[in-house]
Structures are given as C-alpha cells and as structure tokens.
Amino acid sequence: MLYVGYLTQVGLTLLMLPWMPLWSFILLKLPLELTPFLQSPMTRGVVSAFGLLHLLMIVLEFLHAGFQAKRLQEVTQSSSCTE
C-alpha cells in the first residue's frame, strides 16, 4: 500500500508540476543555462509523461494483485477438493 501511495504522489506531482507557476519559481534556483531547456513544452511534456507512467503503474499493480488473489483462490479450492 505504501508503494501505491508513492506512485500516486510522484505521478500526480510529475504530471501537474511542469504546467504550474511553481515550475518557473523552481527554475529560478537552477543555473541559467538550463532554463530554456526546462521551459520548453517538449521537456514539460516528457516530465508529465513520466508522471503518467507512474499512474499507469498503479493500475498495473492493482491488476497484478487481482490476478494473484484469483490464482491463490483457485489453488486453495483445488487443493481442498483433492483432500
């Protein structure tokens, strides 16, 4: 559950932060040579896409957990039927 919380927080932060005014404030603290690169829409899109991948991993984790639970239930039922 902690892992899902991490993925949610980081995913939403990376998805939203590049498009918020806070992004420009953070860039003021970085070297001036990086500012044009980090201000470009392409870079902002890449950071947002990375956040979207984190959110997609949440869906995959829930699907994986569901399949694991189903498989465990099937194994438990088949072992109780053979006894």
C-alpha atoms as a PDB file:
ATOM      1  CA  MET A   1       0.000   0.000   0.000  1.00  0.00           C
ATOM      2  CA  LEU A   2       2.942   2.311   0.684  1.00  0.00           C
ATOM      3  CA  TYR A   3       4.201   1.711  -2.849  1.00  0.00           C
ATOM      4  CA  VAL A   4       0.835   2.715  -4.326  1.00  0.00           C
ATOM      5  CA  GLY A   5       0.893   5.886  -2.211  1.00  0.00           C
ATOM      6  CA  TYR A   6       4.360   6.696  -3.511  1.00  0.00           C
ATOM      7  CA  LEU A   7       3.299   6.120  -7.117  1.00  0.00           C
ATOM      8  CA  THR A   8       0.227   8.304  -6.648  1.00  0.00           C
ATOM      9  CA  GLN A   9       2.098  11.202  -5.087  1.00  0.00           C
ATOM     10  CA  VAL A  10       5.003  11.180  -7.525  1.00  0.00           C
ATOM     11  CA  GLY A  11       2.754  10.555 -10.524  1.00  0.00           C
ATOM     12  CA  LEU A  12       0.431  13.458  -9.767  1.00  0.00           C
ATOM     13  CA  THR A  13       3.341  15.760  -8.928  1.00  0.00           C
ATOM     14  CA  LEU A  14       5.205  14.993 -12.143  1.00  0.00           C
ATOM     15  CA  LEU A  15       2.023  15.209 -14.174  1.00  0.00           C
ATOM     16  CA  MET A  16       0.917  18.610 -12.853  1.00  0.00           C
ATOM     17  CA  LEU A  17       4.057  20.453 -11.715  1.00  0.00           C
ATOM     18  CA  PRO A  18       5.533  21.384 -15.135  1.00  0.00           C
ATOM     19  CA  TRP A  19       2.349  23.288 -16.007  1.00  0.00           C
ATOM     20  CA  MET A  20       2.019  25.184 -12.712  1.00  0.00           C
ATOM     21  CA  PRO A  21       3.528  28.603 -11.861  1.00  0.00           C
ATOM     22  CA  LEU A  22       5.678  26.852  -9.239  1.00  0.00           C
ATOM     23  CA  TRP A  23       7.707  25.315 -12.099  1.00  0.00           C
ATOM     24  CA  SER A  24       9.002  28.758 -13.096  1.00  0.00           C
ATOM     25  CA  PHE A  25       9.881  29.543  -9.493  1.00  0.00           C
ATOM     26  CA  ILE A  26      11.891  26.323  -9.229  1.00  0.00           C
ATOM     27  CA  LEU A  27      13.736  27.198 -12.453  1.00  0.00           C
ATOM     28  CA  LEU A  28      14.902  30.476 -10.901  1.00  0.00           C
ATOM     29  CA  LYS A  29      17.016  28.459  -8.474  1.00  0.00           C
ATOM     30  CA  LEU A  30      18.760  26.494 -11.235  1.00  0.00           C
ATOM     31  CA  PRO A  31      21.644  27.611 -13.458  1.00  0.00           C
ATOM     32  CA  LEU A  32      20.565  29.967 -16.248  1.00  0.00           C
ATOM     33  CA  GLU A  33      21.863  27.606 -18.935  1.00  0.00           C
ATOM     34  CA  LEU A  34      19.187  25.043 -18.047  1.00  0.00           C
ATOM     35  CA  THR A  35      16.241  27.435 -18.054  1.00  0.00           C
ATOM     36  CA  PRO A  36      15.482  27.476 -21.830  1.00  0.00           C
ATOM     37  CA  PHE A  37      15.624  23.679 -21.975  1.00  0.00           C
ATOM     38  CA  LEU A  38      13.416  23.158 -18.919  1.00  0.00           C
ATOM     39  CA  GLN A  39      10.937  25.835 -20.020  1.00  0.00           C
ATOM     40  CA  SER A  40      10.329  24.187 -23.386  1.00  0.00           C
ATOM     41  CA  PRO A  41       6.961  22.491 -23.854  1.00  0.00           C
ATOM     42  CA  MET A  42       8.712  19.321 -25.000  1.00  0.00           C
ATOM     43  CA  THR A  43      10.592  18.956 -21.713  1.00  0.00           C
ATOM     44  CA  ARG A  44       7.457  19.722 -19.732  1.00  0.00           C
ATOM     45  CA  GLY A  45       5.628  17.071 -21.740  1.00  0.00           C
ATOM     46  CA  VAL A  46       8.312  14.477 -21.069  1.00  0.00           C
ATOM     47  CA  VAL A  47       8.135  15.145 -17.320  1.00  0.00           C
ATOM     48  CA  SER A  48       4.337  14.916 -17.425  1.00  0.00           C
ATOM     49  CA  ALA A  49       4.519  11.672 -19.396  1.00  0.00           C
ATOM     50  CA  PHE A  50       6.814  10.222 -16.745  1.00  0.00           C
ATOM     51  CA  GLY A  51       4.173  11.133 -14.157  1.00  0.00           C
ATOM     52  CA  LEU A  52       1.521   9.456 -16.276  1.00  0.00           C
ATOM     53  CA  LEU A  53       3.644   6.296 -16.359  1.00  0.00           C
ATOM     54  CA  HIS A  54       3.692   6.309 -12.553  1.00  0.00           C
ATOM     55  CA  LEU A  55      -0.104   6.500 -12.515  1.00  0.00           C
ATOM     56  CA  LEU A  56      -0.320   3.685 -15.065  1.00  0.00           C
ATOM     57  CA  MET A  57       1.843   1.554 -12.797  1.00  0.00           C
ATOM     58  CA  ILE A  58      -0.841   1.888 -10.097  1.00  0.00           C
ATOM     59  CA  VAL A  59      -3.381   0.317 -12.445  1.00  0.00           C
ATOM     60  CA  LEU A  60      -0.931  -2.464 -13.311  1.00  0.00           C
ATOM     61  CA  GLU A  61      -0.231  -3.125  -9.622  1.00  0.00           C
ATOM     62  CA  PHE A  62      -3.943  -3.490  -8.880  1.00  0.00           C
ATOM     63  CA  LEU A  63      -4.423  -5.792 -11.860  1.00  0.00           C
ATOM     64  CA  HIS A  64      -1.460  -7.894 -10.785  1.00  0.00           C
ATOM     65  CA  ALA A  65      -2.765  -8.113  -7.211  1.00  0.00           C
ATOM     66  CA  GLY A  66      -6.184  -9.165  -8.504  1.00  0.00           C
ATOM     67  CA  PHE A  67      -4.718 -11.909 -10.669  1.00  0.00           C
ATOM     68  CA  GLN A  68      -2.558 -13.120  -7.782  1.00  0.00           C
ATOM     69  CA  ALA A  69      -5.575 -13.264  -5.457  1.00  0.00           C
ATOM     70  CA  LYS A  70      -7.613 -15.142  -8.070  1.00  0.00           C
ATOM     71  CA  ARG A  71      -4.819 -17.635  -8.651  1.00  0.00           C
ATOM     72  CA  LEU A  72      -4.383 -18.177  -4.905  1.00  0.00           C
ATOM     73  CA  GLN A  73      -8.111 -18.754  -4.538  1.00  0.00           C
ATOM     74  CA  GLU A  74      -8.085 -21.307  -7.385  1.00  0.00           C
ATOM     75  CA  VAL A  75      -5.120 -23.155  -5.882  1.00  0.00           C
ATOM     76  CA  THR A  76      -6.763 -23.199  -2.456  1.00  0.00           C
ATOM     77  CA  GLN A  77     -10.042 -24.514  -3.893  1.00  0.00           C
ATOM     78  CA  SER A  78      -8.335 -27.200  -5.979  1.00  0.00           C
ATOM     79  CA  SER A  79      -6.245 -28.393  -3.029  1.00  0.00           C
ATOM     80  CA  SER A  80      -9.323 -28.609  -0.782  1.00  0.00           C
ATOM     81  CA  CYS A  81     -11.192 -30.613  -3.434  1.00  0.00           C
ATOM     82  CA  THR A  82      -8.416 -33.220  -3.707  1.00  0.00           C
ATOM     83  CA  GLU A  83      -8.303 -33.851   0.033  1.00  0.00           C
END
